[in-house]
Amino acid sequence: MARTVLVVTALEDVTADWVVAALNERGVPVVRVDPADIGPRLSFAFRIGSGESAWSGPLRTESREVDLREIQAVYYRRPTPYRNRFARFPRQQRRFAAAEARHGLDGALHSLRSARYVNHPAAVARAEFKPGQLQQFAELGLQVPATLVTNDVVAASEFGLAHLSVVCKTFRGLPPGEDGRAGAIWTQRVHREDFDDSLSVTAHLFQAEVPKGGDVRVTVVGRRVFAQRITDPRGAVDWRCGDWDDLVHTPIAVPSVVETALHGYLAASGLVFGCFDFALTGEGSSPDDWWAIECNPNGQWGWLPDAPAITEAFADILSMEGTSSSS
């Protein structure tokens, strides 16, 4: 029986394109699917029982077909939300159809016990909470900035008094507006006089600003580690808010104790892959220079100079026989 890699993502996904191309070059069978295509362009018939203890049956796109038993690995990227697929339906029908698709189609695709997930969506969902990330970083011995999660204006003001400089960041990205266009809220400095009773409306994340000289993006795929120091000539608090063409990327060695902590974090989180962000206060040779900021369990890496090597690392791990990284 052929051993196939299932790539779950939207049609327009350059990062996935590269990984699919690398797998094709190795002669690895690949089926790419966007679950939101459910309908004439995507059909399935999954079965269990009658002596079978695992799901089987065909998953069919317009150009490919695979039996669930043939799937050895799942590269779970960024599929289109079901709400987009059913947007033309009345509200109740839209919500019902999306929930049924998620629990039926996704429920089966998330239950492939013999497949290696990179990463399993349930593990990604658990690992996206920044308070949990920071706590795990600290437990693993990584330095984290003094952090306050609050909706209390007094607590926020006291935190502002206790630290020389404070930044505010969001827990999640800004969702699309009514026009469907997404925006962004960058990490920014805040001051005590900025705080008022409106702070009580929702949760806020405040951190003591790290006096950094640069940032580091560490991409971990299995046991392979890729690290780039990122320097913004403008010295911006958040390097993402400017022109990415102006950023300076330099390979950097990750101290062994930091690398060990990153592997420990992924293992504890049931992840195979993660993009870690650090603030760097020195040259990077000492672990004391490294301040852990966050981990994106489904982060982008195609813009990095070492993207070709990262692509091969993904192809390596998806080509290997493995077991599910999470359930």
C-alpha atoms as a PDB file:
ATOM      1  CA  MET A   1       0.000   0.000   0.000  1.00  0.00           C
ATOM      2  CA  ALA A   2       1.365   3.442  -0.988  1.00  0.00           C
ATOM      3  CA  ARG A   3       2.433   5.719   1.842  1.00  0.00           C
ATOM      4  CA  THR A   4       1.063   9.186   1.160  1.00  0.00           C
ATOM      5  CA  VAL A   5       1.578  12.634   2.678  1.00  0.00           C
ATOM      6  CA  LEU A   6      -1.637  14.607   3.137  1.00  0.00           C
ATOM      7  CA  VAL A   7      -1.176  18.386   2.941  1.00  0.00           C
ATOM      8  CA  VAL A   8      -4.091  20.278   4.500  1.00  0.00           C
ATOM      9  CA  THR A   9      -4.127  23.938   3.484  1.00  0.00           C
ATOM     10  CA  ALA A  10      -5.734  26.625   1.358  1.00  0.00           C
ATOM     11  CA  LEU A  11      -5.107  26.870  -2.369  1.00  0.00           C
ATOM     12  CA  GLU A  12      -2.850  29.911  -2.092  1.00  0.00           C
ATOM     13  CA  ASP A  13      -0.072  28.828   0.272  1.00  0.00           C
ATOM     14  CA  VAL A  14       3.446  29.377  -1.060  1.00  0.00           C
ATOM     15  CA  THR A  15       5.035  27.746   1.980  1.00  0.00           C
ATOM     16  CA  ALA A  16       3.089  24.542   1.375  1.00  0.00           C
ATOM     17  CA  ASP A  17       3.929  24.767  -2.334  1.00  0.00           C
ATOM     18  CA  TRP A  18       7.627  24.488  -1.512  1.00  0.00           C
ATOM     19  CA  VAL A  19       7.170  21.476   0.738  1.00  0.00           C
ATOM     20  CA  VAL A  20       4.958  19.737  -1.834  1.00  0.00           C
ATOM     21  CA  ALA A  21       7.592  20.369  -4.529  1.00  0.00           C
ATOM     22  CA  ALA A  22      10.333  18.908  -2.310  1.00  0.00           C
ATOM     23  CA  LEU A  23       8.228  15.799  -1.653  1.00  0.00           C
ATOM     24  CA  ASN A  24       7.490  15.441  -5.366  1.00  0.00           C
ATOM     25  CA  GLU A  25      11.230  15.551  -6.122  1.00  0.00           C
ATOM     26  CA  ARG A  26      11.680  12.624  -3.741  1.00  0.00           C
ATOM     27  CA  GLY A  27       8.909  10.644  -5.397  1.00  0.00           C
ATOM     28  CA  VAL A  28       6.719  10.786  -2.273  1.00  0.00           C
ATOM     29  CA  PRO A  29       2.975  10.580  -3.099  1.00  0.00           C
ATOM     30  CA  VAL A  30       1.199  13.776  -2.011  1.00  0.00           C
ATOM     31  CA  VAL A  31      -2.480  14.654  -1.782  1.00  0.00           C
ATOM     32  CA  ARG A  32      -3.279  18.295  -1.124  1.00  0.00           C
ATOM     33  CA  VAL A  33      -6.699  19.170   0.226  1.00  0.00           C
ATOM     34  CA  ASP A  34      -8.574  22.191   1.557  1.00  0.00           C
ATOM     35  CA  PRO A  35     -11.434  20.867   3.736  1.00  0.00           C
ATOM     36  CA  ALA A  36     -13.488  23.976   2.903  1.00  0.00           C
ATOM     37  CA  ASP A  37     -13.817  22.576  -0.644  1.00  0.00           C
ATOM     38  CA  ILE A  38     -16.317  20.080   0.783  1.00  0.00           C
ATOM     39  CA  GLY A  39     -18.979  19.487  -1.879  1.00  0.00           C
ATOM     40  CA  PRO A  40     -18.581  18.453  -5.532  1.00  0.00           C
ATOM     41  CA  ARG A  41     -14.841  19.284  -5.424  1.00  0.00           C
ATOM     42  CA  LEU A  42     -14.181  17.266  -2.259  1.00  0.00           C
ATOM     43  CA  SER A  43     -15.938  14.043  -1.290  1.00  0.00           C
ATOM     44  CA  PHE A  44     -15.248  11.234   1.164  1.00  0.00           C
ATOM     45  CA  ALA A  45     -16.660   7.980   2.521  1.00  0.00           C
ATOM     46  CA  PHE A  46     -14.977   6.946   5.788  1.00  0.00           C
ATOM     47  CA  ARG A  47     -15.799   3.707   7.607  1.00  0.00           C
ATOM     48  CA  ILE A  48     -14.993   2.008  10.906  1.00  0.00           C
ATOM     49  CA  GLY A  49     -16.334  -1.104  12.651  1.00  0.00           C
ATOM     50  CA  SER A  50     -17.035  -4.633  11.368  1.00  0.00           C
ATOM     51  CA  GLY A  51     -13.663  -5.750  12.647  1.00  0.00           C
ATOM     52  CA  GLU A  52     -11.872  -2.516  11.698  1.00  0.00           C
ATOM     53  CA  SER A  53     -10.411  -0.441  14.550  1.00  0.00           C
ATOM     54  CA  ALA A  54      -9.228   2.504  12.447  1.00  0.00           C
ATOM     55  CA  TRP A  55     -10.891   4.747   9.912  1.00  0.00           C
ATOM     56  CA  SER A  56     -10.588   3.802   6.250  1.00  0.00           C
ATOM     57  CA  GLY A  57     -12.128   4.891   2.993  1.00  0.00           C
ATOM     58  CA  PRO A  58     -11.483   7.360   0.180  1.00  0.00           C
ATOM     59  CA  LEU A  59     -10.850  11.087   0.311  1.00  0.00           C
ATOM     60  CA  ARG A  60     -11.319  12.508  -3.202  1.00  0.00           C
ATOM     61  CA  THR A  61     -10.342  15.869  -4.667  1.00  0.00           C
ATOM     62  CA  GLU A  62     -10.778  16.898  -8.301  1.00  0.00           C
ATOM     63  CA  SER A  63      -7.360  15.453  -9.149  1.00  0.00           C
ATOM     64  CA  ARG A  64      -6.386  13.001  -6.390  1.00  0.00           C
ATOM     65  CA  GLU A  65      -7.762  10.180  -4.289  1.00  0.00           C
ATOM     66  CA  VAL A  66      -6.317   8.581  -1.176  1.00  0.00           C
ATOM     67  CA  ASP A  67      -7.549   6.005   1.315  1.00  0.00           C
ATOM     68  CA  LEU A  68      -7.079   7.087   4.924  1.00  0.00           C
ATOM     69  CA  ARG A  69      -5.079   3.918   5.574  1.00  0.00           C
ATOM     70  CA  GLU A  70      -2.454   5.103   3.052  1.00  0.00           C
ATOM     71  CA  ILE A  71      -1.669   8.352   4.862  1.00  0.00           C
ATOM     72  CA  GLN A  72       1.690   8.240   6.647  1.00  0.00           C
ATOM     73  CA  ALA A  73       1.982  11.936   7.508  1.00  0.00           C
ATOM     74  CA  VAL A  74      -0.197  15.037   7.624  1.00  0.00           C
ATOM     75  CA  TYR A  75       1.222  18.506   7.025  1.00  0.00           C
ATOM     76  CA  TYR A  76      -1.466  20.672   8.591  1.00  0.00           C
ATOM     77  CA  ARG A  77      -1.001  24.249   7.439  1.00  0.00           C
ATOM     78  CA  ARG A  78      -3.721  26.853   7.035  1.00  0.00           C
ATOM     79  CA  PRO A  79      -6.986  25.542   5.566  1.00  0.00           C
ATOM     80  CA  THR A  80      -9.753  27.941   4.606  1.00  0.00           C
ATOM     81  CA  PRO A  81     -12.304  28.426   7.433  1.00  0.00           C
ATOM     82  CA  TYR A  82     -15.545  26.574   6.855  1.00  0.00           C
ATOM     83  CA  ARG A  83     -17.465  29.804   7.435  1.00  0.00           C
ATOM     84  CA  ASN A  84     -16.149  31.036   4.077  1.00  0.00           C
ATOM     85  CA  ARG A  85     -17.462  27.922   2.332  1.00  0.00           C
ATOM     86  CA  PHE A  86     -20.974  28.386   3.732  1.00  0.00           C
ATOM     87  CA  ALA A  87     -21.099  32.188   3.725  1.00  0.00           C
ATOM     88  CA  ARG A  88     -24.075  32.268   1.325  1.00  0.00           C
ATOM     89  CA  PHE A  89     -26.265  30.222   3.699  1.00  0.00           C
ATOM     90  CA  PRO A  90     -28.610  31.799   6.276  1.00  0.00           C
ATOM     91  CA  ARG A  91     -26.955  32.197   9.685  1.00  0.00           C
ATOM     92  CA  GLN A  92     -28.377  29.094  11.365  1.00  0.00           C
ATOM     93  CA  GLN A  93     -27.709  26.874   8.349  1.00  0.00           C
ATOM     94  CA  ARG A  94     -24.222  28.318   7.959  1.00  0.00           C
ATOM     95  CA  ARG A  95     -23.293  27.551  11.545  1.00  0.00           C
ATOM     96  CA  PHE A  96     -24.855  24.086  11.386  1.00  0.00           C
ATOM     97  CA  ALA A  97     -23.119  23.113   8.115  1.00  0.00           C
ATOM     98  CA  ALA A  98     -19.745  24.381   9.356  1.00  0.00           C
ATOM     99  CA  ALA A  99     -20.057  22.503  12.651  1.00  0.00           C
ATOM    100  CA  GLU A 100     -21.070  19.276  10.917  1.00  0.00           C
ATOM    101  CA  ALA A 101     -18.134  19.533   8.483  1.00  0.00           C
ATOM    102  CA  ARG A 102     -15.704  20.270  11.280  1.00  0.00           C
ATOM    103  CA  HIS A 103     -16.851  17.411  13.482  1.00  0.00           C
ATOM    104  CA  GLY A 104     -17.230  14.945  10.608  1.00  0.00           C
ATOM    105  CA  LEU A 105     -14.495  15.578   8.045  1.00  0.00           C
ATOM    106  CA  ASP A 106     -12.004  17.181  10.440  1.00  0.00           C
ATOM    107  CA  GLY A 107     -12.912  14.654  13.111  1.00  0.00           C
ATOM    108  CA  ALA A 108     -11.802  11.801  10.853  1.00  0.00           C
ATOM    109  CA  LEU A 109      -8.691  13.566   9.528  1.00  0.00           C
ATOM    110  CA  HIS A 110      -7.585  14.362  13.080  1.00  0.00           C
ATOM    111  CA  SER A 111      -7.890  10.706  14.126  1.00  0.00           C
ATOM    112  CA  LEU A 112      -5.282   9.010  11.934  1.00  0.00           C
ATOM    113  CA  ARG A 113      -3.392   7.115  14.642  1.00  0.00           C
ATOM    114  CA  SER A 114      -0.654   5.783  12.364  1.00  0.00           C
ATOM    115  CA  ALA A 115       0.136   9.173  10.810  1.00  0.00           C
ATOM    116  CA  ARG A 116       2.694  11.764  11.899  1.00  0.00           C
ATOM    117  CA  TYR A 117       1.150  15.213  12.192  1.00  0.00           C
ATOM    118  CA  VAL A 118       3.181  18.346  11.575  1.00  0.00           C
ATOM    119  CA  ASN A 119       1.527  19.680  13.624  1.00  0.00           C
ATOM    120  CA  HIS A 120      -1.644  18.084  14.948  1.00  0.00           C
ATOM    121  CA  PRO A 121      -4.329  20.825  15.024  1.00  0.00           C
ATOM    122  CA  ALA A 122      -5.356  19.905  18.569  1.00  0.00           C
ATOM    123  CA  ALA A 123      -1.763  20.414  19.754  1.00  0.00           C
ATOM    124  CA  VAL A 124      -1.590  23.708  17.851  1.00  0.00           C
ATOM    125  CA  ALA A 125      -4.817  24.901  19.486  1.00  0.00           C
ATOM    126  CA  ARG A 126      -3.496  24.070  22.970  1.00  0.00           C
ATOM    127  CA  ALA A 127      -0.115  25.690  22.317  1.00  0.00           C
ATOM    128  CA  GLU A 128      -1.428  29.019  21.021  1.00  0.00           C
ATOM    129  CA  PHE A 129      -2.137  30.455  24.487  1.00  0.00           C
ATOM    130  CA  LYS A 130       0.670  32.894  25.338  1.00  0.00           C
ATOM    131  CA  PRO A 131       0.279  32.648  29.130  1.00  0.00           C
ATOM    132  CA  GLY A 132       0.852  28.898  28.873  1.00  0.00           C
ATOM    133  CA  GLN A 133       3.847  29.420  26.581  1.00  0.00           C
ATOM    134  CA  LEU A 134       5.516  31.849  28.979  1.00  0.00           C
ATOM    135  CA  GLN A 135       4.950  29.540  31.933  1.00  0.00           C
ATOM    136  CA  GLN A 136       6.489  26.592  30.067  1.00  0.00           C
ATOM    137  CA  PHE A 137       9.455  28.716  28.981  1.00  0.00           C
ATOM    138  CA  ALA A 138      10.099  29.691  32.596  1.00  0.00           C
ATOM    139  CA  GLU A 139       9.711  26.098  33.806  1.00  0.00           C
ATOM    140  CA  LEU A 140      12.298  25.011  31.216  1.00  0.00           C
ATOM    141  CA  GLY A 141      14.800  27.572  32.483  1.00  0.00           C
ATOM    142  CA  LEU A 142      14.432  30.177  29.738  1.00  0.00           C
ATOM    143  CA  GLN A 143      14.421  33.866  30.629  1.00  0.00           C
ATOM    144  CA  VAL A 144      11.054  35.578  30.117  1.00  0.00           C
ATOM    145  CA  PRO A 145      10.255  39.284  30.570  1.00  0.00           C
ATOM    146  CA  ALA A 146       8.271  40.324  33.625  1.00  0.00           C
ATOM    147  CA  THR A 147       4.692  39.948  32.399  1.00  0.00           C
ATOM    148  CA  LEU A 148       1.251  41.041  33.566  1.00  0.00           C
ATOM    149  CA  VAL A 149      -2.040  39.722  32.166  1.00  0.00           C
ATOM    150  CA  THR A 150      -4.837  41.932  33.430  1.00  0.00           C
ATOM    151  CA  ASN A 151      -7.982  43.975  32.894  1.00  0.00           C
ATOM    152  CA  ASP A 152      -7.396  45.948  36.111  1.00  0.00           C
ATOM    153  CA  VAL A 153      -6.311  49.559  35.663  1.00  0.00           C
ATOM    154  CA  VAL A 154      -4.728  49.741  39.143  1.00  0.00           C
ATOM    155  CA  ALA A 155      -2.642  46.607  38.553  1.00  0.00           C
ATOM    156  CA  ALA A 156      -1.572  47.954  35.165  1.00  0.00           C
ATOM    157  CA  SER A 157      -0.575  51.312  36.655  1.00  0.00           C
ATOM    158  CA  GLU A 158       1.436  49.623  39.407  1.00  0.00           C
ATOM    159  CA  PHE A 159       3.182  47.461  36.787  1.00  0.00           C
ATOM    160  CA  GLY A 160       4.020  50.605  34.831  1.00  0.00           C
ATOM    161  CA  LEU A 161       5.546  52.172  37.937  1.00  0.00           C
ATOM    162  CA  ALA A 162       7.634  49.087  38.675  1.00  0.00           C
ATOM    163  CA  HIS A 163       9.375  48.955  35.278  1.00  0.00           C
ATOM    164  CA  LEU A 164      11.426  51.472  33.341  1.00  0.00           C
ATOM    165  CA  SER A 165       9.607  50.763  30.073  1.00  0.00           C
ATOM    166  CA  VAL A 166       6.509  48.679  29.370  1.00  0.00           C
ATOM    167  CA  VAL A 167       5.161  47.269  26.110  1.00  0.00           C
ATOM    168  CA  CYS A 168       1.701  46.006  25.265  1.00  0.00           C
ATOM    169  CA  LYS A 169       1.035  43.206  22.825  1.00  0.00           C
ATOM    170  CA  THR A 170      -2.004  41.271  21.675  1.00  0.00           C
ATOM    171  CA  PHE A 171      -2.717  37.636  22.467  1.00  0.00           C
ATOM    172  CA  ARG A 172      -4.006  36.986  18.959  1.00  0.00           C
ATOM    173  CA  GLY A 173      -3.862  38.703  15.579  1.00  0.00           C
ATOM    174  CA  LEU A 174      -6.498  41.217  14.550  1.00  0.00           C
ATOM    175  CA  PRO A 175      -9.406  39.375  12.857  1.00  0.00           C
ATOM    176  CA  PRO A 176     -10.655  40.465   9.427  1.00  0.00           C
ATOM    177  CA  GLY A 177     -12.983  43.464   9.340  1.00  0.00           C
ATOM    178  CA  GLU A 178     -16.361  43.750   7.657  1.00  0.00           C
ATOM    179  CA  ASP A 179     -14.600  44.138   4.309  1.00  0.00           C
ATOM    180  CA  GLY A 180     -12.771  40.834   4.838  1.00  0.00           C
ATOM    181  CA  ARG A 181      -9.367  42.513   5.053  1.00  0.00           C
ATOM    182  CA  ALA A 182      -7.075  41.613   7.938  1.00  0.00           C
ATOM    183  CA  GLY A 183      -5.091  44.164   9.903  1.00  0.00           C
ATOM    184  CA  ALA A 184      -2.377  44.061  12.535  1.00  0.00           C
ATOM    185  CA  ILE A 185      -1.684  45.504  15.967  1.00  0.00           C
ATOM    186  CA  TRP A 186       2.044  45.707  16.603  1.00  0.00           C
ATOM    187  CA  THR A 187       3.831  45.510  19.935  1.00  0.00           C
ATOM    188  CA  GLN A 188       4.097  49.074  21.257  1.00  0.00           C
ATOM    189  CA  ARG A 189       5.306  51.021  24.273  1.00  0.00           C
ATOM    190  CA  VAL A 190       2.659  52.187  26.727  1.00  0.00           C
ATOM    191  CA  HIS A 191       2.690  54.624  29.648  1.00  0.00           C
ATOM    192  CA  ARG A 192       0.781  54.862  32.919  1.00  0.00           C
ATOM    193  CA  GLU A 193      -1.132  57.885  31.709  1.00  0.00           C
ATOM    194  CA  ASP A 194      -2.487  55.771  28.841  1.00  0.00           C
ATOM    195  CA  PHE A 195      -4.419  53.552  31.245  1.00  0.00           C
ATOM    196  CA  ASP A 196      -8.070  54.263  32.032  1.00  0.00           C
ATOM    197  CA  ASP A 197     -11.218  52.330  32.908  1.00  0.00           C
ATOM    198  CA  SER A 198     -11.617  51.134  29.316  1.00  0.00           C
ATOM    199  CA  LEU A 199      -8.828  48.670  30.101  1.00  0.00           C
ATOM    200  CA  SER A 200     -11.420  46.584  32.009  1.00  0.00           C
ATOM    201  CA  VAL A 201     -13.268  45.642  28.794  1.00  0.00           C
ATOM    202  CA  THR A 202     -10.931  42.769  27.892  1.00  0.00           C
ATOM    203  CA  ALA A 203      -7.622  41.094  28.775  1.00  0.00           C
ATOM    204  CA  HIS A 204      -4.308  42.846  28.102  1.00  0.00           C
ATOM    205  CA  LEU A 205      -0.735  41.577  28.053  1.00  0.00           C
ATOM    206  CA  PHE A 206       1.918  43.953  29.411  1.00  0.00           C
ATOM    207  CA  GLN A 207       5.626  43.178  29.595  1.00  0.00           C
ATOM    208  CA  ALA A 208       8.710  44.915  30.882  1.00  0.00           C
ATOM    209  CA  GLU A 209      10.539  45.957  27.724  1.00  0.00           C
ATOM    210  CA  VAL A 210      13.749  44.011  27.139  1.00  0.00           C
ATOM    211  CA  PRO A 211      16.630  46.364  26.185  1.00  0.00           C
ATOM    212  CA  LYS A 212      17.371  44.328  23.101  1.00  0.00           C
ATOM    213  CA  GLY A 213      19.945  44.831  20.397  1.00  0.00           C
ATOM    214  CA  GLY A 214      18.097  42.564  17.991  1.00  0.00           C
ATOM    215  CA  ASP A 215      15.678  39.685  17.677  1.00  0.00           C
ATOM    216  CA  VAL A 216      16.079  36.012  16.832  1.00  0.00           C
ATOM    217  CA  ARG A 217      13.680  33.742  14.974  1.00  0.00           C
ATOM    218  CA  VAL A 218      14.397  30.082  15.733  1.00  0.00           C
ATOM    219  CA  THR A 219      12.629  27.540  13.529  1.00  0.00           C
ATOM    220  CA  VAL A 220      12.671  23.994  14.889  1.00  0.00           C
ATOM    221  CA  VAL A 221      11.622  21.081  12.663  1.00  0.00           C
ATOM    222  CA  GLY A 222      12.018  17.764  14.447  1.00  0.00           C
ATOM    223  CA  ARG A 223      15.588  17.777  15.785  1.00  0.00           C
ATOM    224  CA  ARG A 224      16.823  20.367  13.305  1.00  0.00           C
ATOM    225  CA  VAL A 225      17.253  23.961  14.433  1.00  0.00           C
ATOM    226  CA  PHE A 226      17.520  27.039  12.205  1.00  0.00           C
ATOM    227  CA  ALA A 227      18.214  30.426  13.768  1.00  0.00           C
ATOM    228  CA  GLN A 228      18.445  33.898  12.251  1.00  0.00           C
ATOM    229  CA  ARG A 229      19.263  37.110  14.056  1.00  0.00           C
ATOM    230  CA  ILE A 230      16.994  39.900  12.817  1.00  0.00           C
ATOM    231  CA  THR A 231      18.186  43.487  13.019  1.00  0.00           C
ATOM    232  CA  ASP A 232      15.915  46.389  12.180  1.00  0.00           C
ATOM    233  CA  PRO A 233      17.959  49.469  11.161  1.00  0.00           C
ATOM    234  CA  ARG A 234      15.191  51.670  12.599  1.00  0.00           C
ATOM    235  CA  GLY A 235      15.437  50.045  16.016  1.00  0.00           C
ATOM    236  CA  ALA A 236      11.664  49.469  16.090  1.00  0.00           C
ATOM    237  CA  VAL A 237      10.045  47.800  19.093  1.00  0.00           C
ATOM    238  CA  ASP A 238       8.391  45.330  16.693  1.00  0.00           C
ATOM    239  CA  TRP A 239      10.413  44.491  13.585  1.00  0.00           C
ATOM    240  CA  ARG A 240       7.302  43.208  11.790  1.00  0.00           C
ATOM    241  CA  CYS A 241       5.769  46.667  11.402  1.00  0.00           C
ATOM    242  CA  GLY A 242       8.248  48.046   8.864  1.00  0.00           C
ATOM    243  CA  ASP A 243       9.621  47.171   5.446  1.00  0.00           C
ATOM    244  CA  TRP A 244      10.851  43.579   5.640  1.00  0.00           C
ATOM    245  CA  ASP A 245      13.270  44.251   2.784  1.00  0.00           C
ATOM    246  CA  ASP A 246      15.221  46.533   5.125  1.00  0.00           C
ATOM    247  CA  LEU A 247      15.736  43.862   7.778  1.00  0.00           C
ATOM    248  CA  VAL A 248      19.203  42.375   8.203  1.00  0.00           C
ATOM    249  CA  HIS A 249      19.319  38.597   8.715  1.00  0.00           C
ATOM    250  CA  THR A 250      22.386  36.888  10.147  1.00  0.00           C
ATOM    251  CA  PRO A 251      22.738  33.193  11.053  1.00  0.00           C
ATOM    252  CA  ILE A 252      23.307  32.724  14.772  1.00  0.00           C
ATOM    253  CA  ALA A 253      24.216  29.727  16.929  1.00  0.00           C
ATOM    254  CA  VAL A 254      21.709  28.803  19.606  1.00  0.00           C
ATOM    255  CA  PRO A 255      23.301  28.078  23.031  1.00  0.00           C
ATOM    256  CA  SER A 256      22.945  24.405  23.884  1.00  0.00           C
ATOM    257  CA  VAL A 257      20.858  25.013  27.003  1.00  0.00           C
ATOM    258  CA  VAL A 258      18.428  27.146  25.005  1.00  0.00           C
ATOM    259  CA  GLU A 259      18.202  24.535  22.245  1.00  0.00           C
ATOM    260  CA  THR A 260      17.541  21.803  24.809  1.00  0.00           C
ATOM    261  CA  ALA A 261      14.728  23.903  26.276  1.00  0.00           C
ATOM    262  CA  LEU A 262      13.156  24.381  22.840  1.00  0.00           C
ATOM    263  CA  HIS A 263      13.115  20.647  22.174  1.00  0.00           C
ATOM    264  CA  GLY A 264      11.662  20.149  25.640  1.00  0.00           C
ATOM    265  CA  TYR A 265       8.949  22.691  24.924  1.00  0.00           C
ATOM    266  CA  LEU A 266       7.916  21.009  21.673  1.00  0.00           C
ATOM    267  CA  ALA A 267       7.898  17.559  23.259  1.00  0.00           C
ATOM    268  CA  ALA A 268       5.785  18.740  26.196  1.00  0.00           C
ATOM    269  CA  SER A 269       3.370  20.460  23.803  1.00  0.00           C
ATOM    270  CA  GLY A 270       3.009  17.495  21.445  1.00  0.00           C
ATOM    271  CA  LEU A 271       4.525  19.506  18.593  1.00  0.00           C
ATOM    272  CA  VAL A 272       7.000  18.536  15.871  1.00  0.00           C
ATOM    273  CA  PHE A 273       7.588  22.069  14.600  1.00  0.00           C
ATOM    274  CA  GLY A 274       7.586  25.570  16.051  1.00  0.00           C
ATOM    275  CA  CYS A 275       8.762  29.118  15.308  1.00  0.00           C
ATOM    276  CA  PHE A 276      10.263  30.723  18.415  1.00  0.00           C
ATOM    277  CA  ASP A 277      10.882  34.438  18.876  1.00  0.00           C
ATOM    278  CA  PHE A 278      13.570  35.771  21.193  1.00  0.00           C
ATOM    279  CA  ALA A 279      14.778  39.232  22.160  1.00  0.00           C
ATOM    280  CA  LEU A 280      18.591  39.406  22.231  1.00  0.00           C
ATOM    281  CA  THR A 281      20.386  41.648  24.727  1.00  0.00           C
ATOM    282  CA  GLY A 282      23.974  40.731  23.790  1.00  0.00           C
ATOM    283  CA  GLU A 283      25.832  38.977  21.013  1.00  0.00           C
ATOM    284  CA  GLY A 284      24.019  35.721  21.672  1.00  0.00           C
ATOM    285  CA  SER A 285      26.874  33.515  22.840  1.00  0.00           C
ATOM    286  CA  SER A 286      25.539  33.400  26.413  1.00  0.00           C
ATOM    287  CA  PRO A 287      22.117  32.004  27.389  1.00  0.00           C
ATOM    288  CA  ASP A 288      21.697  35.179  29.447  1.00  0.00           C
ATOM    289  CA  ASP A 289      21.426  37.112  26.171  1.00  0.00           C
ATOM    290  CA  TRP A 290      18.287  35.208  25.155  1.00  0.00           C
ATOM    291  CA  TRP A 291      14.798  36.274  26.294  1.00  0.00           C
ATOM    292  CA  ALA A 292      11.931  34.017  25.204  1.00  0.00           C
ATOM    293  CA  ILE A 293       8.963  35.924  23.796  1.00  0.00           C
ATOM    294  CA  GLU A 294       6.642  33.402  22.158  1.00  0.00           C
ATOM    295  CA  CYS A 295       6.262  30.300  20.000  1.00  0.00           C
ATOM    296  CA  ASN A 296       4.050  30.157  16.937  1.00  0.00           C
ATOM    297  CA  PRO A 297       3.123  26.461  16.532  1.00  0.00           C
ATOM    298  CA  ASN A 298       2.082  27.066  12.935  1.00  0.00           C
ATOM    299  CA  GLY A 299       4.376  29.932  12.004  1.00  0.00           C
ATOM    300  CA  GLN A 300       5.602  31.270   8.698  1.00  0.00           C
ATOM    301  CA  TRP A 301       9.197  30.654   7.658  1.00  0.00           C
ATOM    302  CA  GLY A 302       9.227  31.052   3.868  1.00  0.00           C
ATOM    303  CA  TRP A 303      10.631  34.585   4.126  1.00  0.00           C
ATOM    304  CA  LEU A 304      13.777  33.496   5.969  1.00  0.00           C
ATOM    305  CA  PRO A 305      17.151  33.142   4.177  1.00  0.00           C
ATOM    306  CA  ASP A 306      17.379  29.491   5.264  1.00  0.00           C
ATOM    307  CA  ALA A 307      13.919  28.653   3.855  1.00  0.00           C
ATOM    308  CA  PRO A 308      15.365  26.125   1.335  1.00  0.00           C
ATOM    309  CA  ALA A 309      17.010  24.156   4.156  1.00  0.00           C
ATOM    310  CA  ILE A 310      13.838  24.374   6.254  1.00  0.00           C
ATOM    311  CA  THR A 311      11.851  23.063   3.280  1.00  0.00           C
ATOM    312  CA  GLU A 312      14.115  20.008   3.097  1.00  0.00           C
ATOM    313  CA  ALA A 313      13.735  19.467   6.841  1.00  0.00           C
ATOM    314  CA  PHE A 314       9.960  19.362   6.422  1.00  0.00           C
ATOM    315  CA  ALA A 315      10.284  16.957   3.500  1.00  0.00           C
ATOM    316  CA  ASP A 316      12.576  14.770   5.619  1.00  0.00           C
ATOM    317  CA  ILE A 317      10.220  14.500   8.547  1.00  0.00           C
ATOM    318  CA  LEU A 318       7.089  14.050   6.434  1.00  0.00           C
ATOM    319  CA  SER A 319       8.772  11.289   4.419  1.00  0.00           C
ATOM    320  CA  MET A 320       9.601   9.245   7.516  1.00  0.00           C
ATOM    321  CA  GLU A 321       7.364   6.580   8.991  1.00  0.00           C
ATOM    322  CA  GLY A 322       6.036   7.873  12.275  1.00  0.00           C
ATOM    323  CA  THR A 323       3.248   7.944  14.755  1.00  0.00           C
ATOM    324  CA  SER A 324       0.904  10.738  15.623  1.00  0.00           C
ATOM    325  CA  SER A 325       2.575  13.573  17.540  1.00  0.00           C
ATOM    326  CA  SER A 326      -0.626  14.361  19.390  1.00  0.00           C
ATOM    327  CA  SER A 327      -4.231  13.410  19.623  1.00  0.00           C
END
